[in-house]
Amino acid sequence: MLLLCLWIGGCGFQLRGAGGFEAALSAIYVSVNNKYGDLHQHLVRSLTRSGITVVSRAGDAAYRLSINAERVIRRAVATTSTISVAEYELRLEVDMALQNTAGESVIPLITLATERIYTFDRSSLVGSNEEETILLEEMRADLVLQIIRRLDATVRTFEANQ
């Protein structure tokens, strides 16, 4: 067992972790429609953990991130032999844009999305609702990671071209 652990450690294997990286920007202003929503709270926490300061005034940061809309779309994708819903598809979409202090569009308005499919059990409605809630939280976390990675890559490219 000890030999196996040494071999795995020596080959460079490591657990995935939270995806930490050296952020290209130091401070950002985040503008959202719902400051108390789950997406905004999760985004602010993740930006702070990544070493990016979230400021309360737009003039204090080099960039302004606008989150315009968050949409949850649920549609049936499979039915049973009795024509009742067997599976749902959840789609979470977010519209975002990034501008610098001069008002130039660094990232034009784009839509980021993530999808999940889950089985709907009519005999356990509470369990199905809980599953949907958990999936939405995971999807928000995925979108936050997409936003942070997009911000980092775009800011690095934008500043290298300046």
Protein backbone atom coordinates (compact mmCIF):
# COMPACT_ATOMS: atom_id res chain seq x y z
CA MET A 1 0.00 0.00 0.00
CA LEU A 2 2.86 2.36 0.84
CA LEU A 3 4.50 1.65 -2.52
CA LEU A 4 1.24 2.43 -4.33
CA CYS A 5 0.90 5.76 -2.49
CA LEU A 6 4.48 6.71 -3.32
CA TRP A 7 3.97 5.76 -6.96
CA ILE A 8 0.77 7.83 -7.27
CA GLY A 9 2.39 10.80 -5.53
CA GLY A 10 5.49 10.55 -7.70
CA CYS A 11 3.63 10.55 -11.01
CA GLY A 12 2.17 14.02 -10.41
CA PHE A 13 -1.38 12.91 -9.59
CA GLN A 14 -3.34 15.26 -7.40
CA LEU A 15 -6.99 15.83 -6.63
CA ARG A 16 -8.78 18.38 -8.75
CA GLY A 17 -9.49 20.90 -5.99
CA ALA A 18 -11.32 24.21 -6.43
CA GLY A 19 -9.48 25.37 -9.53
CA GLY A 20 -7.36 28.11 -8.01
CA PHE A 21 -5.28 30.32 -10.30
CA GLU A 22 -3.40 33.61 -10.35
CA ALA A 23 -6.03 36.16 -11.33
CA ALA A 24 -5.17 38.76 -13.98
CA LEU A 25 -7.21 41.50 -12.33
CA SER A 26 -7.05 42.83 -8.82
CA ALA A 27 -10.39 44.64 -8.42
CA ILE A 28 -13.76 44.50 -10.16
CA TYR A 29 -17.18 46.09 -9.80
CA VAL A 30 -20.08 43.66 -10.17
CA SER A 31 -23.47 44.98 -11.29
CA VAL A 32 -26.45 42.62 -10.98
CA ASN A 33 -30.23 42.92 -10.95
CA ASN A 34 -30.56 40.96 -7.69
CA LYS A 35 -27.76 41.71 -5.22
CA TYR A 36 -29.21 39.24 -2.73
CA GLY A 37 -29.58 36.36 -5.17
CA ASP A 38 -27.66 33.10 -4.91
CA LEU A 39 -25.69 33.72 -8.12
CA HIS A 40 -24.41 37.11 -6.98
CA GLN A 41 -23.46 35.88 -3.53
CA HIS A 42 -21.65 32.85 -4.95
CA LEU A 43 -19.87 35.00 -7.57
CA VAL A 44 -18.64 37.51 -4.99
CA ARG A 45 -17.35 34.70 -2.71
CA SER A 46 -15.56 32.98 -5.59
CA LEU A 47 -14.00 36.19 -6.88
CA THR A 48 -12.76 37.01 -3.38
CA ARG A 49 -11.34 33.49 -2.96
CA SER A 50 -9.52 33.95 -6.28
CA GLY A 51 -7.79 37.06 -4.95
CA ILE A 52 -9.99 39.59 -6.77
CA THR A 53 -11.40 42.44 -4.70
CA VAL A 54 -15.07 43.19 -5.36
CA VAL A 55 -15.56 46.94 -4.88
CA SER A 56 -18.80 48.76 -4.11
CA ARG A 57 -18.25 51.71 -6.51
CA ALA A 58 -17.66 51.38 -10.25
CA GLY A 59 -14.96 54.09 -10.20
CA ASP A 60 -12.76 52.06 -7.84
CA ALA A 61 -12.15 49.21 -10.29
CA ALA A 62 -10.58 48.86 -13.71
CA TYR A 63 -13.44 46.68 -14.95
CA ARG A 64 -17.21 46.51 -14.55
CA LEU A 65 -18.94 43.13 -14.81
CA SER A 66 -22.66 43.29 -15.62
CA ILE A 67 -24.87 40.30 -14.96
CA ASN A 68 -28.13 41.24 -16.67
CA ALA A 69 -30.36 38.21 -16.37
CA GLU A 70 -30.48 34.76 -14.83
CA ARG A 71 -33.01 32.39 -16.36
CA VAL A 72 -34.00 28.90 -15.24
CA ILE A 73 -35.68 26.87 -17.98
CA ARG A 74 -37.23 23.50 -17.20
CA ARG A 75 -38.64 21.30 -19.93
CA ALA A 76 -39.75 17.69 -20.19
CA VAL A 77 -37.41 15.52 -22.26
CA ALA A 78 -38.83 12.02 -21.69
CA THR A 79 -42.19 10.53 -20.84
CA THR A 80 -43.37 7.20 -19.50
CA SER A 81 -45.77 4.81 -21.20
CA THR A 82 -48.63 6.59 -19.41
CA ILE A 83 -47.57 9.94 -20.90
CA SER A 84 -46.35 11.37 -17.62
CA VAL A 85 -43.01 13.13 -17.36
CA ALA A 86 -40.08 10.82 -16.65
CA GLU A 87 -37.15 13.25 -17.10
CA TYR A 88 -36.69 16.99 -17.05
CA GLU A 89 -33.94 19.12 -18.50
CA LEU A 90 -32.82 22.10 -16.42
CA ARG A 91 -31.06 24.91 -18.21
CA LEU A 92 -29.57 27.87 -16.37
CA GLU A 93 -28.62 30.88 -18.49
CA VAL A 94 -26.85 34.10 -17.51
CA ASP A 95 -26.32 37.21 -19.64
CA MET A 96 -23.04 38.97 -18.90
CA ALA A 97 -20.86 41.76 -20.25
CA LEU A 98 -17.54 43.32 -19.21
CA GLN A 99 -16.45 46.93 -19.69
CA ASN A 100 -13.30 48.78 -18.75
CA THR A 101 -13.21 52.19 -17.03
CA ALA A 102 -13.25 53.99 -20.39
CA GLY A 103 -16.57 52.32 -21.20
CA GLU A 104 -15.09 50.09 -23.90
CA SER A 105 -16.72 46.70 -24.25
CA VAL A 106 -14.15 44.06 -23.34
CA ILE A 107 -16.69 41.22 -23.43
CA PRO A 108 -19.84 42.10 -25.38
CA LEU A 109 -23.17 40.89 -24.03
CA ILE A 110 -23.04 37.09 -24.14
CA THR A 111 -25.10 34.28 -22.71
CA LEU A 112 -23.45 31.56 -20.67
CA ALA A 113 -25.44 28.39 -20.03
CA THR A 114 -25.28 25.04 -18.33
CA GLU A 115 -27.67 22.10 -18.55
CA ARG A 116 -28.58 19.04 -16.51
CA ILE A 117 -31.10 16.24 -16.99
CA TYR A 118 -32.69 14.54 -14.01
CA THR A 119 -35.23 11.78 -13.48
CA PHE A 120 -38.59 12.87 -12.12
CA ASP A 121 -40.21 10.43 -9.70
CA ARG A 122 -43.94 11.04 -9.24
CA SER A 123 -43.99 8.82 -6.14
CA SER A 124 -41.37 11.00 -4.44
CA LEU A 125 -42.19 14.62 -5.24
CA VAL A 126 -40.20 15.98 -2.31
CA GLY A 127 -37.11 14.04 -3.40
CA SER A 128 -37.47 15.25 -6.99
CA ASN A 129 -37.83 18.85 -5.84
CA GLU A 130 -34.76 18.51 -3.61
CA GLU A 131 -32.81 17.03 -6.52
CA GLU A 132 -33.79 19.99 -8.68
CA THR A 133 -32.68 22.43 -5.97
CA ILE A 134 -29.31 20.69 -5.59
CA LEU A 135 -28.81 20.62 -9.36
CA LEU A 136 -29.53 24.34 -9.60
CA GLU A 137 -26.92 25.06 -6.93
CA GLU A 138 -24.35 22.95 -8.81
CA MET A 139 -25.27 24.71 -12.04
CA ARG A 140 -24.79 28.13 -10.43
CA ALA A 141 -21.36 27.02 -9.23
CA ASP A 142 -20.50 25.89 -12.77
CA LEU A 143 -21.63 29.23 -14.20
CA VAL A 144 -19.57 31.14 -11.64
CA LEU A 145 -16.49 29.16 -12.67
CA GLN A 146 -17.26 29.86 -16.34
CA ILE A 147 -17.58 33.57 -15.60
CA ILE A 148 -14.32 33.74 -13.63
CA ARG A 149 -12.37 31.81 -16.25
CA ARG A 150 -13.83 33.95 -19.04
CA LEU A 151 -12.96 37.13 -17.12
CA ASP A 152 -9.42 36.00 -16.45
CA ALA A 153 -8.69 34.90 -20.03
CA THR A 154 -10.27 37.99 -21.57
CA VAL A 155 -8.54 40.47 -19.26
CA ARG A 156 -5.16 38.80 -19.87
CA THR A 157 -5.68 39.03 -23.64
CA PHE A 158 -7.07 42.58 -23.50
CA GLU A 159 -4.19 43.90 -21.39
CA ALA A 160 -1.58 42.10 -23.50
CA ASN A 161 -2.95 43.82 -26.61
CA GLN A 162 -2.94 47.29 -24.99
